[in-house]
Amino acid sequence: MSDTDLKTNPLSSSLKTLVVRGRFAWRVHRTSAAVNGEQGLKILTVDQLAARLAGGFQTPIDSKSLDKALSEAINQPTGELETIQSLPGFGSAAAATLSKAWTNGLNLQEEASRAIEASARERLHSMARLEENVLNLLPPGNLRPGDLAVAATKRARHANALFGRIEIHGPTDLSLVWRPLLKEVATHTEVIWFAEKEKISPWLEDTNIRIEERPPANPTVLSYSCAEPQHEILEAFRWARRHLSQGIRPQDIAIATASPEIYDDYVLAMSQTSGIPVHFIHGRAAIETPEGQLTAALAEVLLQGFSQERIRRFVELLRVQSRRFEGIPSNWWKPPLSDMPLSNGPSWLNAIDLLNADGESDYRNSLKDIILPFFTGIDHAQPIGSCLLEGKALGIWKQALIQGPPTALDLTLKGIRSEDSIEPGSEIVWGPAAALATAPRSYTWLAGLNSLIWPRRAVDDPLLPDQVIASKRLDPIPIPEADRSAFRNILRMTKKEVVCSYARRDSEGRVNGLSPLFPCPKGGAHLDRNRIAPHAASESDRLMARPREFKQQLTAEICDPDMG
């Protein structure tokens, strides 16, 4: 782009736009820009950039809108898929398949007409009908990535005025639908891509996009062998505690793995016992929150029926979290309720009538308001939730019903994740390596470097397997390649220190193999599960490592007359 073009917009010399990948990178760079007082900086993902350029209130399809549209679309005829549309997990699988097809520019109807095998043609036609039903149910202005890219490309001449200089950081393996847009935008404003020279994708060769090489950070790389996954997380928190004691800021520390779900419970427990706040990049399991526990208690009553234990648990959670039922006292569970076999709705209503308010406000009607909605049965799970829940709990309940039928609530509730409220810009982060690779930190612990775990194995798409449509077209960057790329990027861009660990045995005691990505072929330094660590992760970890001090403290507590 010439200097004359830059002068057409007097603000273009100060305006700059940073294009990032994913919400985590967006939050990290936004916080950094605020702390550094950067003026005239826009931070966008590539789909946000396309939506801003397209204008006219056109937006990309967000996950919540897609899930809601799919929950309604599965009730419409689609052909072959009708036999499995009501199964738990179909909605999330269909959302993933459609998202991959859209970001790679696949037209399902055209693919169906070109298919040779009758079975492949039938499946593609069915997916195309499902896609059509979904698009008809989406809010106005929600566009598929390809449609949004076309609309934005037509207005590429406004890129300089809207964005000024555009900077992109990270790998150049951009989704196919966005490449023509960036090529066109680069003819109207300056676009600089900071990437590794040897990892430049061929599609950038004949464009006006300027490539700037990012020099490698060359961090110190350490390798450790741990007893099992829980021990890995314990050692990671000991390592984090050591760096915090040396004055390293929490926002410079990260712990990651290829697939964090199997470690989430360990990280959450260690964060609570150590008192070290940790941001979950991929979100926390909603069922671990008080609101999630309330929805789980409601689902348990609907699925398994009335019982003293289930109703008592639900009422206890509900009266604490709901303003409508906060008048129910904590001692509501008393005779005759606690002495009666309450296994159905009418027996509960009769028992509530026998309660004596003892001069307090009469809370019996509130208890009846809790019991009566259950009479309608599990087929009315949506109105039951709307009647009893509110706020975040009601949102979790509705999301669970979107992702599956009411009879599968016990499964769908476990899969719902909510965004972590802990700010990633000021605390240690934990999550998938793919997300961390978009915004590396100075000190990183990479856990789970075992065979079959990192890199993960490639799997066929559940709805469009390889025999229906080639996997390379539906998913040009398979899971194993993405995991390897994330590992290389973190190892290359971490500034100070990278620690790699693997578990000698899994959580069930089976012997693990070593990942081919592990930097030390011999397995690294051997860490014993019961070793005395120089820096303890928590108070209990400190006492267990110092038996004499633990014994003295235990003796003092036993001898303390004030101890119950």
Protein backbone atom coordinates (compact mmCIF):
# COMPACT_ATOMS: atom_id res chain seq x y z
CA MET A 1 0.00 0.00 0.00
CA SER A 2 1.36 3.41 -0.94
CA ASP A 3 1.83 6.46 1.28
CA THR A 4 -0.86 8.22 -0.74
CA ASP A 5 -3.39 5.60 0.34
CA LEU A 6 -2.44 6.10 3.99
CA LYS A 7 -2.97 9.85 3.71
CA THR A 8 -6.58 9.37 2.61
CA ASN A 9 -7.44 8.82 6.28
CA PRO A 10 -5.69 11.20 8.70
CA LEU A 11 -6.35 8.82 11.59
CA SER A 12 -4.85 5.78 9.88
CA SER A 13 -1.35 6.60 11.09
CA SER A 14 -2.47 6.23 14.75
CA LEU A 15 -5.19 3.62 14.38
CA LYS A 16 -4.11 0.01 14.75
CA THR A 17 -6.02 -3.27 14.88
CA LEU A 18 -4.72 -6.46 16.42
CA VAL A 19 -6.29 -9.67 15.10
CA VAL A 20 -6.12 -12.53 17.59
CA ARG A 21 -7.36 -16.11 17.79
CA GLY A 22 -9.97 -17.05 20.36
CA ARG A 23 -11.53 -15.38 23.38
CA PHE A 24 -8.60 -16.11 25.70
CA ALA A 25 -6.12 -14.23 23.51
CA TRP A 26 -8.66 -11.44 23.10
CA ARG A 27 -9.02 -11.03 26.88
CA VAL A 28 -5.27 -11.18 27.50
CA HIS A 29 -4.41 -8.56 24.88
CA ARG A 30 -7.28 -6.33 25.97
CA THR A 31 -6.01 -6.34 29.55
CA SER A 32 -2.47 -5.67 28.39
CA ALA A 33 -3.62 -2.74 26.25
CA ALA A 34 -5.53 -1.25 29.19
CA VAL A 35 -2.57 -1.63 31.57
CA ASN A 36 -0.17 -0.05 29.06
CA GLY A 37 -2.58 2.76 28.21
CA GLU A 38 -2.55 2.07 24.48
CA GLN A 39 -4.73 4.47 22.51
CA GLY A 40 -6.36 3.81 19.15
CA LEU A 41 -5.97 0.02 19.40
CA LYS A 42 -8.72 -2.37 18.37
CA ILE A 43 -8.51 -6.04 19.34
CA LEU A 44 -10.65 -8.34 17.21
CA THR A 45 -10.92 -11.94 16.14
CA VAL A 46 -11.05 -12.52 12.40
CA ASP A 47 -14.82 -13.09 12.41
CA GLN A 48 -15.32 -9.89 14.41
CA LEU A 49 -13.19 -8.03 11.87
CA ALA A 50 -15.36 -9.43 9.06
CA ALA A 51 -18.58 -8.47 10.87
CA ARG A 52 -17.32 -4.93 11.49
CA LEU A 53 -16.36 -4.55 7.85
CA ALA A 54 -19.61 -6.07 6.53
CA GLY A 55 -21.70 -3.68 8.61
CA GLY A 56 -25.49 -3.66 8.58
CA PHE A 57 -25.77 -5.42 11.96
CA GLN A 58 -24.47 -8.61 10.38
CA THR A 59 -22.79 -10.93 12.89
CA PRO A 60 -21.17 -14.38 12.94
CA ILE A 61 -23.22 -17.28 14.25
CA ASP A 62 -22.43 -17.63 17.95
CA SER A 63 -22.52 -20.98 19.75
CA LYS A 64 -25.58 -20.19 21.88
CA SER A 65 -27.69 -19.18 18.88
CA LEU A 66 -26.56 -22.27 16.99
CA ASP A 67 -27.39 -24.59 19.90
CA LYS A 68 -30.84 -23.03 20.30
CA ALA A 69 -31.58 -23.29 16.57
CA LEU A 70 -30.43 -26.92 16.53
CA SER A 71 -32.66 -27.81 19.49
CA GLU A 72 -35.65 -26.67 17.42
CA ALA A 73 -34.39 -28.01 14.09
CA ILE A 74 -34.07 -31.60 15.34
CA ASN A 75 -37.87 -31.74 15.59
CA GLN A 76 -38.17 -31.18 11.84
CA PRO A 77 -37.78 -33.89 9.15
CA THR A 78 -34.27 -34.32 7.76
CA GLY A 79 -34.27 -37.82 6.34
CA GLU A 80 -31.64 -40.32 7.46
CA LEU A 81 -30.67 -38.38 10.59
CA GLU A 82 -34.19 -38.51 12.04
CA THR A 83 -33.45 -41.83 13.76
CA ILE A 84 -30.66 -40.32 15.91
CA GLN A 85 -31.74 -36.68 16.27
CA SER A 86 -33.37 -37.27 19.66
CA LEU A 87 -30.30 -38.98 21.18
CA PRO A 88 -28.23 -37.15 23.83
CA GLY A 89 -25.20 -35.46 22.31
CA PHE A 90 -26.63 -35.11 18.81
CA GLY A 91 -26.97 -31.34 19.16
CA SER A 92 -23.33 -30.79 20.13
CA ALA A 93 -22.12 -33.20 17.43
CA ALA A 94 -24.23 -31.47 14.77
CA ALA A 95 -23.00 -28.03 15.89
CA ALA A 96 -19.37 -29.16 15.61
CA THR A 97 -19.93 -30.71 12.16
CA LEU A 98 -21.72 -27.66 10.76
CA SER A 99 -19.07 -25.32 12.18
CA LYS A 100 -16.29 -27.30 10.48
CA ALA A 101 -18.16 -27.37 7.17
CA TRP A 102 -18.81 -23.62 7.31
CA THR A 103 -15.28 -22.55 8.26
CA ASN A 104 -13.85 -24.66 5.42
CA GLY A 105 -16.25 -23.37 2.79
CA LEU A 106 -18.12 -26.63 2.12
CA ASN A 107 -21.52 -26.47 0.45
CA LEU A 108 -23.30 -29.58 1.73
CA GLN A 109 -25.94 -29.58 -1.00
CA GLU A 110 -23.30 -29.45 -3.73
CA GLU A 111 -21.28 -32.13 -1.97
CA ALA A 112 -24.37 -34.36 -1.92
CA SER A 113 -24.97 -33.93 -5.65
CA ARG A 114 -21.34 -34.89 -6.38
CA ALA A 115 -21.26 -37.92 -4.07
CA ILE A 116 -20.84 -41.27 -5.82
CA GLU A 117 -21.86 -43.68 -3.06
CA ALA A 118 -25.60 -43.80 -2.35
CA SER A 119 -25.06 -43.92 1.44
CA ALA A 120 -22.78 -40.86 1.35
CA ARG A 121 -25.24 -38.98 -0.85
CA GLU A 122 -28.11 -39.77 1.52
CA ARG A 123 -26.16 -38.60 4.60
CA LEU A 124 -25.05 -35.36 2.89
CA HIS A 125 -28.61 -34.62 1.74
CA SER A 126 -29.81 -35.16 5.31
CA MET A 127 -27.11 -32.84 6.71
CA ALA A 128 -27.98 -30.24 4.07
CA ARG A 129 -31.64 -30.32 5.14
CA LEU A 130 -30.60 -29.98 8.77
CA GLU A 131 -28.43 -27.01 7.84
CA GLU A 132 -31.32 -25.38 5.99
CA ASN A 133 -33.62 -25.85 8.99
CA VAL A 134 -31.00 -24.33 11.29
CA LEU A 135 -30.41 -21.29 9.06
CA ASN A 136 -34.15 -20.61 8.94
CA LEU A 137 -34.29 -20.60 12.75
CA LEU A 138 -31.29 -18.33 13.38
CA PRO A 139 -31.83 -14.67 14.28
CA PRO A 140 -31.77 -12.19 11.37
CA GLY A 141 -28.27 -11.00 10.55
CA ASN A 142 -26.52 -14.15 11.77
CA LEU A 143 -24.39 -15.28 8.84
CA ARG A 144 -22.26 -18.33 8.15
CA PRO A 145 -18.51 -17.56 8.01
CA GLY A 146 -18.45 -17.86 4.21
CA ASP A 147 -21.40 -15.51 3.74
CA LEU A 148 -19.94 -13.04 6.23
CA ALA A 149 -16.56 -13.13 4.45
CA VAL A 150 -18.21 -12.41 1.07
CA ALA A 151 -20.16 -9.48 2.51
CA ALA A 152 -17.02 -8.07 4.15
CA THR A 153 -14.90 -8.51 1.00
CA LYS A 154 -17.33 -6.32 -0.95
CA ARG A 155 -16.60 -3.49 1.51
CA ALA A 156 -12.85 -4.06 1.81
CA ARG A 157 -12.20 -0.52 0.50
CA HIS A 158 -13.23 0.78 3.95
CA ALA A 159 -10.60 -1.30 5.78
CA ASN A 160 -8.09 1.55 6.13
CA ALA A 161 -10.65 3.90 7.67
CA LEU A 162 -12.00 1.26 10.02
CA PHE A 163 -8.88 -0.56 11.13
CA GLY A 164 -5.77 1.38 10.16
CA ARG A 165 -2.75 -0.91 10.28
CA ILE A 166 -3.67 -4.55 10.93
CA GLU A 167 -1.35 -6.86 12.87
CA ILE A 168 -1.83 -10.62 13.15
CA HIS A 169 0.14 -12.82 15.52
CA GLY A 170 0.52 -16.58 15.43
CA PRO A 171 0.35 -19.48 12.97
CA THR A 172 -0.71 -18.75 9.40
CA ASP A 173 -2.98 -21.80 9.06
CA LEU A 174 -6.09 -19.63 8.75
CA SER A 175 -9.45 -21.19 7.88
CA LEU A 176 -10.17 -21.27 4.15
CA VAL A 177 -13.17 -18.92 4.20
CA TRP A 178 -11.21 -16.00 5.66
CA ARG A 179 -8.23 -16.09 3.29
CA PRO A 180 -9.82 -14.22 0.31
CA LEU A 181 -11.01 -11.53 2.74
CA LEU A 182 -7.53 -10.89 4.16
CA LYS A 183 -6.01 -10.89 0.66
CA GLU A 184 -8.45 -8.19 -0.40
CA VAL A 185 -8.09 -6.18 2.82
CA ALA A 186 -4.30 -6.15 2.34
CA THR A 187 -4.75 -4.24 -0.94
CA HIS A 188 -6.44 -1.38 0.93
CA THR A 189 -4.51 -1.15 4.20
CA GLU A 190 -1.26 -2.37 5.71
CA VAL A 191 -1.43 -5.94 7.03
CA ILE A 192 1.52 -7.41 8.94
CA TRP A 193 1.65 -11.04 10.05
CA PHE A 194 4.11 -11.93 12.81
CA ALA A 195 4.93 -15.62 12.40
CA GLU A 196 7.72 -18.15 12.07
CA LYS A 197 9.37 -17.91 8.66
CA GLU A 198 9.58 -21.69 8.22
CA LYS A 199 5.87 -22.09 9.06
CA ILE A 200 4.46 -19.70 6.45
CA SER A 201 1.48 -21.19 4.60
CA PRO A 202 1.67 -21.16 0.77
CA TRP A 203 -1.54 -19.15 0.42
CA LEU A 204 0.30 -16.01 1.64
CA GLU A 205 2.88 -16.02 -1.18
CA ASP A 206 0.94 -13.95 -3.73
CA THR A 207 -0.59 -11.42 -1.33
CA ASN A 208 0.23 -7.95 -0.06
CA ILE A 209 0.45 -9.27 3.49
CA ARG A 210 3.89 -8.57 4.92
CA ILE A 211 5.49 -11.34 6.97
CA GLU A 212 7.59 -10.40 9.99
CA GLU A 213 9.64 -13.17 11.57
CA ARG A 214 9.19 -13.71 15.28
CA PRO A 215 12.53 -14.63 16.85
CA PRO A 216 12.37 -17.68 19.14
CA ALA A 217 12.48 -16.97 22.86
CA ASN A 218 14.75 -19.96 23.66
CA PRO A 219 13.41 -20.69 27.16
CA THR A 220 14.90 -23.08 29.69
CA VAL A 221 13.27 -26.51 29.19
CA LEU A 222 12.93 -28.90 32.14
CA SER A 223 11.50 -32.45 32.07
CA TYR A 224 9.93 -34.40 34.94
CA SER A 225 8.46 -37.85 35.44
CA CYS A 226 5.57 -37.94 37.94
CA ALA A 227 3.74 -40.83 39.58
CA GLU A 228 0.23 -40.20 38.18
CA PRO A 229 -1.94 -37.31 36.88
CA GLN A 230 -2.84 -35.99 40.33
CA HIS A 231 0.85 -35.92 41.24
CA GLU A 232 1.57 -33.91 38.07
CA ILE A 233 -0.84 -31.20 39.19
CA LEU A 234 0.60 -31.22 42.72
CA GLU A 235 4.10 -30.71 41.32
CA ALA A 236 2.82 -27.98 38.98
CA PHE A 237 1.39 -26.05 41.95
CA ARG A 238 4.60 -26.54 43.92
CA TRP A 239 6.46 -25.11 40.93
CA ALA A 240 4.02 -22.20 40.70
CA ARG A 241 4.36 -21.50 44.43
CA ARG A 242 8.15 -21.39 44.10
CA HIS A 243 7.97 -18.80 41.33
CA LEU A 244 5.42 -16.71 43.20
CA SER A 245 7.72 -16.69 46.25
CA GLN A 246 10.50 -15.37 44.00
CA GLY A 247 8.42 -12.39 42.92
CA ILE A 248 7.13 -13.73 39.59
CA ARG A 249 3.70 -12.29 38.82
CA PRO A 250 0.74 -14.74 38.62
CA GLN A 251 -0.14 -13.39 35.15
CA ASP A 252 3.21 -14.68 33.88
CA ILE A 253 2.49 -18.31 34.87
CA ALA A 254 0.44 -20.92 33.03
CA ILE A 255 -0.33 -24.64 33.35
CA ALA A 256 -1.68 -26.44 30.28
CA THR A 257 -2.23 -29.78 28.59
CA ALA A 258 -3.68 -31.08 25.34
CA SER A 259 -7.02 -32.15 26.82
CA PRO A 260 -7.59 -30.54 30.24
CA GLU A 261 -10.89 -32.21 31.18
CA ILE A 262 -9.23 -35.23 32.82
CA TYR A 263 -7.20 -32.89 35.07
CA ASP A 264 -9.90 -30.31 35.89
CA ASP A 265 -10.94 -31.83 39.23
CA TYR A 266 -7.33 -32.02 40.42
CA VAL A 267 -6.62 -28.41 39.42
CA LEU A 268 -9.80 -27.15 41.07
CA ALA A 269 -9.03 -29.01 44.31
CA MET A 270 -5.40 -27.80 44.39
CA SER A 271 -6.45 -24.22 43.67
CA GLN A 272 -8.83 -24.28 46.65
CA THR A 273 -6.45 -26.00 49.09
CA SER A 274 -3.44 -23.89 48.09
CA GLY A 275 -5.29 -20.58 48.04
CA ILE A 276 -3.91 -19.80 44.57
CA PRO A 277 -6.60 -18.41 42.23
CA VAL A 278 -6.56 -20.08 38.81
CA HIS A 279 -8.44 -19.02 35.69
CA PHE A 280 -9.88 -21.91 33.66
CA ILE A 281 -9.42 -20.90 30.02
CA HIS A 282 -12.00 -23.42 28.79
CA GLY A 283 -14.49 -22.53 31.52
CA ARG A 284 -15.51 -24.32 34.67
CA ALA A 285 -17.98 -27.20 34.78
CA ALA A 286 -21.31 -25.57 35.58
CA ILE A 287 -22.28 -28.44 37.85
CA GLU A 288 -19.44 -27.49 40.22
CA THR A 289 -21.05 -24.12 40.97
CA PRO A 290 -23.85 -23.63 43.56
CA GLU A 291 -26.30 -22.92 40.72
CA GLY A 292 -25.18 -26.07 38.93
CA GLN A 293 -25.71 -28.12 42.09
CA LEU A 294 -29.22 -26.71 42.35
CA THR A 295 -30.07 -27.77 38.79
CA ALA A 296 -28.56 -31.20 39.45
CA ALA A 297 -30.76 -31.60 42.53
CA LEU A 298 -33.83 -30.64 40.50
CA ALA A 299 -32.90 -33.12 37.77
CA GLU A 300 -32.41 -35.85 40.36
CA VAL A 301 -35.95 -35.42 41.67
CA LEU A 302 -37.42 -35.40 38.16
CA LEU A 303 -35.48 -38.46 37.01
CA GLN A 304 -35.61 -40.62 40.16
CA GLY A 305 -38.77 -39.47 41.90
CA PHE A 306 -39.68 -38.25 45.37
CA SER A 307 -37.68 -39.21 48.45
CA GLN A 308 -36.82 -37.56 51.74
CA GLU A 309 -33.16 -37.15 50.83
CA ARG A 310 -33.73 -35.72 47.33
CA ILE A 311 -36.41 -33.20 48.29
CA ARG A 312 -34.50 -32.09 51.39
CA ARG A 313 -31.35 -31.47 49.35
CA PHE A 314 -33.27 -29.55 46.68
CA VAL A 315 -35.12 -27.37 49.22
CA GLU A 316 -31.92 -26.60 51.14
CA LEU A 317 -30.18 -25.39 47.97
CA LEU A 318 -33.25 -23.55 46.68
CA ARG A 319 -34.00 -21.55 49.83
CA VAL A 320 -30.41 -20.25 49.95
CA GLN A 321 -30.26 -19.22 46.29
CA SER A 322 -33.82 -18.06 45.54
CA ARG A 323 -35.35 -14.86 46.84
CA ARG A 324 -38.81 -16.37 46.39
CA PHE A 325 -38.13 -19.22 48.84
CA GLU A 326 -35.76 -17.51 51.27
CA GLY A 327 -38.52 -17.39 53.89
CA ILE A 328 -38.29 -21.14 54.46
CA PRO A 329 -36.37 -21.55 57.76
CA SER A 330 -33.29 -23.72 58.15
CA ASN A 331 -35.12 -26.03 60.59
CA TRP A 332 -38.01 -26.77 58.22
CA TRP A 333 -36.94 -30.43 58.20
CA LYS A 334 -38.45 -31.63 61.45
CA PRO A 335 -41.12 -34.03 62.67
CA PRO A 336 -43.50 -35.11 61.28
CA LEU A 337 -41.63 -34.76 57.96
CA SER A 338 -38.48 -36.49 59.16
CA ASP A 339 -40.49 -39.42 60.59
CA MET A 340 -42.66 -40.22 57.56
CA PRO A 341 -42.00 -42.36 54.44
CA LEU A 342 -42.44 -39.69 51.75
CA SER A 343 -42.18 -41.42 48.40
CA ASN A 344 -44.80 -39.56 46.33
CA GLY A 345 -46.28 -36.10 45.84
CA PRO A 346 -49.58 -36.51 47.75
CA SER A 347 -47.78 -37.82 50.84
CA TRP A 348 -45.56 -34.74 50.81
CA LEU A 349 -48.55 -32.39 50.61
CA ASN A 350 -50.29 -34.20 53.49
CA ALA A 351 -47.14 -34.06 55.62
CA ILE A 352 -46.67 -30.34 54.94
CA ASP A 353 -50.25 -29.69 56.14
CA LEU A 354 -49.33 -31.32 59.45
CA LEU A 355 -46.47 -28.90 60.08
CA ASN A 356 -46.87 -26.31 62.81
CA ALA A 357 -45.43 -22.88 62.04
CA ASP A 358 -44.67 -22.32 65.75
CA GLY A 359 -45.55 -18.65 65.64
CA GLU A 360 -43.23 -17.98 62.73
CA SER A 361 -44.31 -16.89 59.26
CA ASP A 362 -46.26 -19.67 57.60
CA TYR A 363 -43.84 -21.23 55.11
CA ARG A 364 -46.03 -24.23 54.31
CA ASN A 365 -47.36 -22.64 51.12
CA SER A 366 -43.79 -22.10 49.91
CA LEU A 367 -43.04 -25.79 50.45
CA LYS A 368 -46.18 -26.72 48.52
CA ASP A 369 -45.11 -24.40 45.69
CA ILE A 370 -41.94 -26.47 45.45
CA ILE A 371 -43.70 -29.85 45.45
CA LEU A 372 -46.64 -29.14 43.13
CA PRO A 373 -44.70 -28.50 39.87
CA PHE A 374 -43.25 -32.03 40.03
CA PHE A 375 -46.75 -33.48 39.54
CA THR A 376 -46.60 -32.60 35.83
CA GLY A 377 -43.73 -35.01 35.20
CA ILE A 378 -40.40 -34.94 33.42
CA ASP A 379 -41.98 -34.13 30.03
CA HIS A 380 -42.64 -30.64 31.42
CA ALA A 381 -39.05 -30.07 32.56
CA GLN A 382 -38.86 -26.65 30.86
CA PRO A 383 -41.84 -25.04 32.69
CA ILE A 384 -40.87 -26.76 35.95
CA GLY A 385 -37.44 -25.12 35.76
CA SER A 386 -38.95 -21.75 34.88
CA CYS A 387 -41.28 -22.05 37.87
CA LEU A 388 -38.65 -22.96 40.47
CA LEU A 389 -35.32 -21.56 39.24
CA GLU A 390 -34.04 -18.09 38.50
CA GLY A 391 -30.93 -16.29 37.29
CA LYS A 392 -27.87 -18.33 36.42
CA ALA A 393 -29.46 -21.61 37.55
CA LEU A 394 -32.33 -21.13 35.12
CA GLY A 395 -29.84 -20.40 32.33
CA ILE A 396 -27.98 -23.65 33.04
CA TRP A 397 -31.28 -25.56 33.08
CA LYS A 398 -32.37 -24.15 29.72
CA GLN A 399 -28.97 -24.87 28.18
CA ALA A 400 -29.15 -28.49 29.34
CA LEU A 401 -32.58 -28.91 27.74
CA ILE A 402 -31.27 -27.40 24.51
CA GLN A 403 -28.45 -29.94 24.33
CA GLY A 404 -30.59 -33.01 24.95
CA PRO A 405 -34.02 -34.39 25.94
CA PRO A 406 -35.27 -34.12 29.55
CA THR A 407 -34.57 -37.83 30.12
CA ALA A 408 -30.85 -37.14 29.57
CA LEU A 409 -30.54 -34.25 32.01
CA ASP A 410 -28.07 -36.16 34.18
CA LEU A 411 -25.73 -36.37 31.16
CA THR A 412 -26.22 -32.94 29.60
CA LEU A 413 -25.77 -31.06 32.89
CA LYS A 414 -22.32 -32.60 33.31
CA GLY A 415 -21.21 -31.29 29.91
CA ILE A 416 -22.19 -27.64 30.38
CA ARG A 417 -19.38 -25.21 31.11
CA SER A 418 -19.65 -21.62 32.27
CA GLU A 419 -17.12 -18.86 31.76
CA ASP A 420 -14.69 -18.46 34.64
CA SER A 421 -15.17 -15.22 36.58
CA ILE A 422 -11.50 -15.09 37.61
CA GLU A 423 -9.64 -12.53 35.49
CA PRO A 424 -6.95 -14.19 33.33
CA GLY A 425 -4.99 -10.97 33.07
CA SER A 426 -4.03 -11.05 36.75
CA GLU A 427 -3.93 -14.73 37.74
CA ILE A 428 -2.40 -18.09 36.81
CA VAL A 429 -4.24 -19.74 33.92
CA TRP A 430 -5.08 -23.39 33.29
CA GLY A 431 -6.49 -24.88 30.10
CA PRO A 432 -5.90 -26.39 26.66
CA ALA A 433 -2.49 -25.89 25.09
CA ALA A 434 -4.14 -24.81 21.82
CA ALA A 435 -5.61 -21.75 23.56
CA LEU A 436 -2.42 -20.95 25.48
CA ALA A 437 -0.43 -21.07 22.24
CA THR A 438 -2.32 -17.99 21.05
CA ALA A 439 -1.03 -15.98 24.03
CA PRO A 440 2.01 -17.71 25.63
CA ARG A 441 3.26 -16.75 29.08
CA SER A 442 6.79 -16.44 30.44
CA TYR A 443 6.60 -19.54 32.67
CA THR A 444 4.64 -22.58 31.51
CA TRP A 445 4.10 -26.10 32.85
CA LEU A 446 2.93 -28.59 30.20
CA ALA A 447 1.33 -31.67 31.79
CA GLY A 448 0.14 -34.95 30.31
CA LEU A 449 2.91 -35.64 27.81
CA ASN A 450 1.95 -39.31 27.55
CA SER A 451 1.42 -41.40 24.46
CA LEU A 452 -2.15 -41.32 23.10
CA ILE A 453 -2.77 -38.17 25.17
CA TRP A 454 -0.39 -35.67 23.56
CA PRO A 455 -0.81 -35.64 20.63
CA ARG A 456 -4.31 -37.02 20.74
CA ARG A 457 -5.46 -39.51 18.16
CA ALA A 458 -7.37 -38.40 15.06
CA VAL A 459 -11.04 -39.35 15.05
CA ASP A 460 -13.63 -39.30 12.31
CA ASP A 461 -16.42 -36.76 12.46
CA PRO A 462 -19.42 -38.59 13.98
CA LEU A 463 -21.91 -37.30 11.38
CA LEU A 464 -19.69 -36.88 8.30
CA PRO A 465 -17.01 -39.59 8.56
CA ASP A 466 -14.21 -40.04 6.06
CA GLN A 467 -16.22 -42.39 3.82
CA VAL A 468 -18.86 -39.67 3.39
CA ILE A 469 -16.54 -36.71 2.89
CA ALA A 470 -12.74 -36.68 3.04
CA SER A 471 -11.50 -35.75 6.52
CA LYS A 472 -8.84 -33.46 5.03
CA ARG A 473 -11.56 -31.32 3.47
CA LEU A 474 -13.80 -31.18 6.52
CA ASP A 475 -10.93 -30.72 8.97
CA PRO A 476 -7.70 -29.67 7.20
CA ILE A 477 -5.84 -29.50 10.52
CA PRO A 478 -6.52 -32.81 12.34
CA ILE A 479 -6.24 -33.09 16.11
CA PRO A 480 -2.72 -34.67 16.19
CA GLU A 481 -1.29 -31.95 13.95
CA ALA A 482 -2.99 -29.21 15.98
CA ASP A 483 -1.56 -30.64 19.22
CA ARG A 484 1.94 -30.77 17.75
CA SER A 485 1.62 -27.20 16.49
CA ALA A 486 0.46 -25.95 19.90
CA PHE A 487 3.38 -27.70 21.61
CA ARG A 488 5.91 -26.19 19.19
CA ASN A 489 4.47 -22.69 19.52
CA ILE A 490 4.53 -22.78 23.32
CA LEU A 491 8.06 -24.17 23.36
CA ARG A 492 9.21 -21.51 20.91
CA MET A 493 7.42 -18.42 22.29
CA THR A 494 7.62 -18.95 26.09
CA LYS A 495 10.19 -16.42 27.25
CA LYS A 496 11.68 -17.87 30.43
CA GLU A 497 10.89 -21.48 31.35
CA VAL A 498 8.92 -24.47 30.07
CA VAL A 499 8.43 -27.55 32.26
CA CYS A 500 7.25 -30.77 30.60
CA SER A 501 5.85 -33.61 32.68
CA TYR A 502 4.28 -36.99 32.15
CA ALA A 503 2.64 -39.56 34.44
CA ARG A 504 4.26 -42.96 34.82
CA ARG A 505 0.84 -44.49 35.51
CA ASP A 506 -2.71 -43.37 34.84
CA SER A 507 -5.34 -42.78 37.53
CA GLU A 508 -6.27 -46.49 37.48
CA GLY A 509 -2.69 -47.74 37.88
CA ARG A 510 -1.93 -48.75 34.28
CA VAL A 511 1.57 -48.04 32.96
CA ASN A 512 1.72 -45.05 30.60
CA GLY A 513 3.88 -44.59 27.54
CA LEU A 514 5.95 -41.50 26.79
CA SER A 515 4.76 -38.93 24.26
CA PRO A 516 6.93 -38.53 21.13
CA LEU A 517 6.89 -34.79 21.86
CA PHE A 518 8.54 -35.19 25.26
CA PRO A 519 11.85 -33.28 25.08
CA CYS A 520 13.83 -35.87 27.09
CA PRO A 521 13.75 -39.37 25.53
CA LYS A 522 14.91 -40.95 28.81
CA GLY A 523 11.89 -39.63 30.71
CA GLY A 524 13.32 -36.65 32.58
CA ALA A 525 14.00 -36.27 36.30
CA HIS A 526 12.15 -38.82 38.45
CA LEU A 527 9.88 -37.22 41.07
CA ASP A 528 8.59 -39.41 43.88
CA ARG A 529 4.98 -38.99 45.00
CA ASN A 530 5.94 -38.58 48.68
CA ARG A 531 9.07 -36.50 48.26
CA ILE A 532 9.79 -33.51 50.47
CA ALA A 533 9.40 -30.54 48.14
CA PRO A 534 11.42 -27.36 48.75
CA HIS A 535 8.24 -25.35 48.17
CA ALA A 536 4.94 -26.80 49.38
CA ALA A 537 1.79 -26.18 47.37
CA SER A 538 -0.47 -25.83 50.42
CA GLU A 539 -0.55 -26.04 54.21
CA SER A 540 -1.43 -29.74 54.16
CA ASP A 541 1.36 -30.38 51.63
CA ARG A 542 3.82 -28.60 53.94
CA LEU A 543 2.81 -30.60 57.01
CA MET A 544 2.83 -33.95 55.20
CA ALA A 545 6.38 -33.22 54.04
CA ARG A 546 7.48 -32.43 57.60
CA PRO A 547 6.30 -35.30 59.86
CA ARG A 548 7.89 -33.91 63.03
CA GLU A 549 6.15 -30.55 62.70
CA PHE A 550 2.87 -32.31 61.83
CA LYS A 551 3.14 -34.49 64.94
CA GLN A 552 3.84 -31.47 67.16
CA GLN A 553 0.84 -29.59 65.78
CA LEU A 554 -1.42 -32.64 66.13
CA THR A 555 -0.32 -33.13 69.74
CA ALA A 556 -0.99 -29.47 70.52
CA GLU A 557 -4.50 -29.70 69.08
CA ILE A 558 -5.30 -32.84 71.05
CA CYS A 559 -4.13 -31.24 74.28
CA ASP A 560 -6.04 -28.00 73.64
CA PRO A 561 -9.01 -27.93 76.06
CA ASP A 562 -10.97 -25.70 73.68
CA MET A 563 -10.98 -28.38 70.98
CA GLY A 564 -14.34 -30.14 70.66
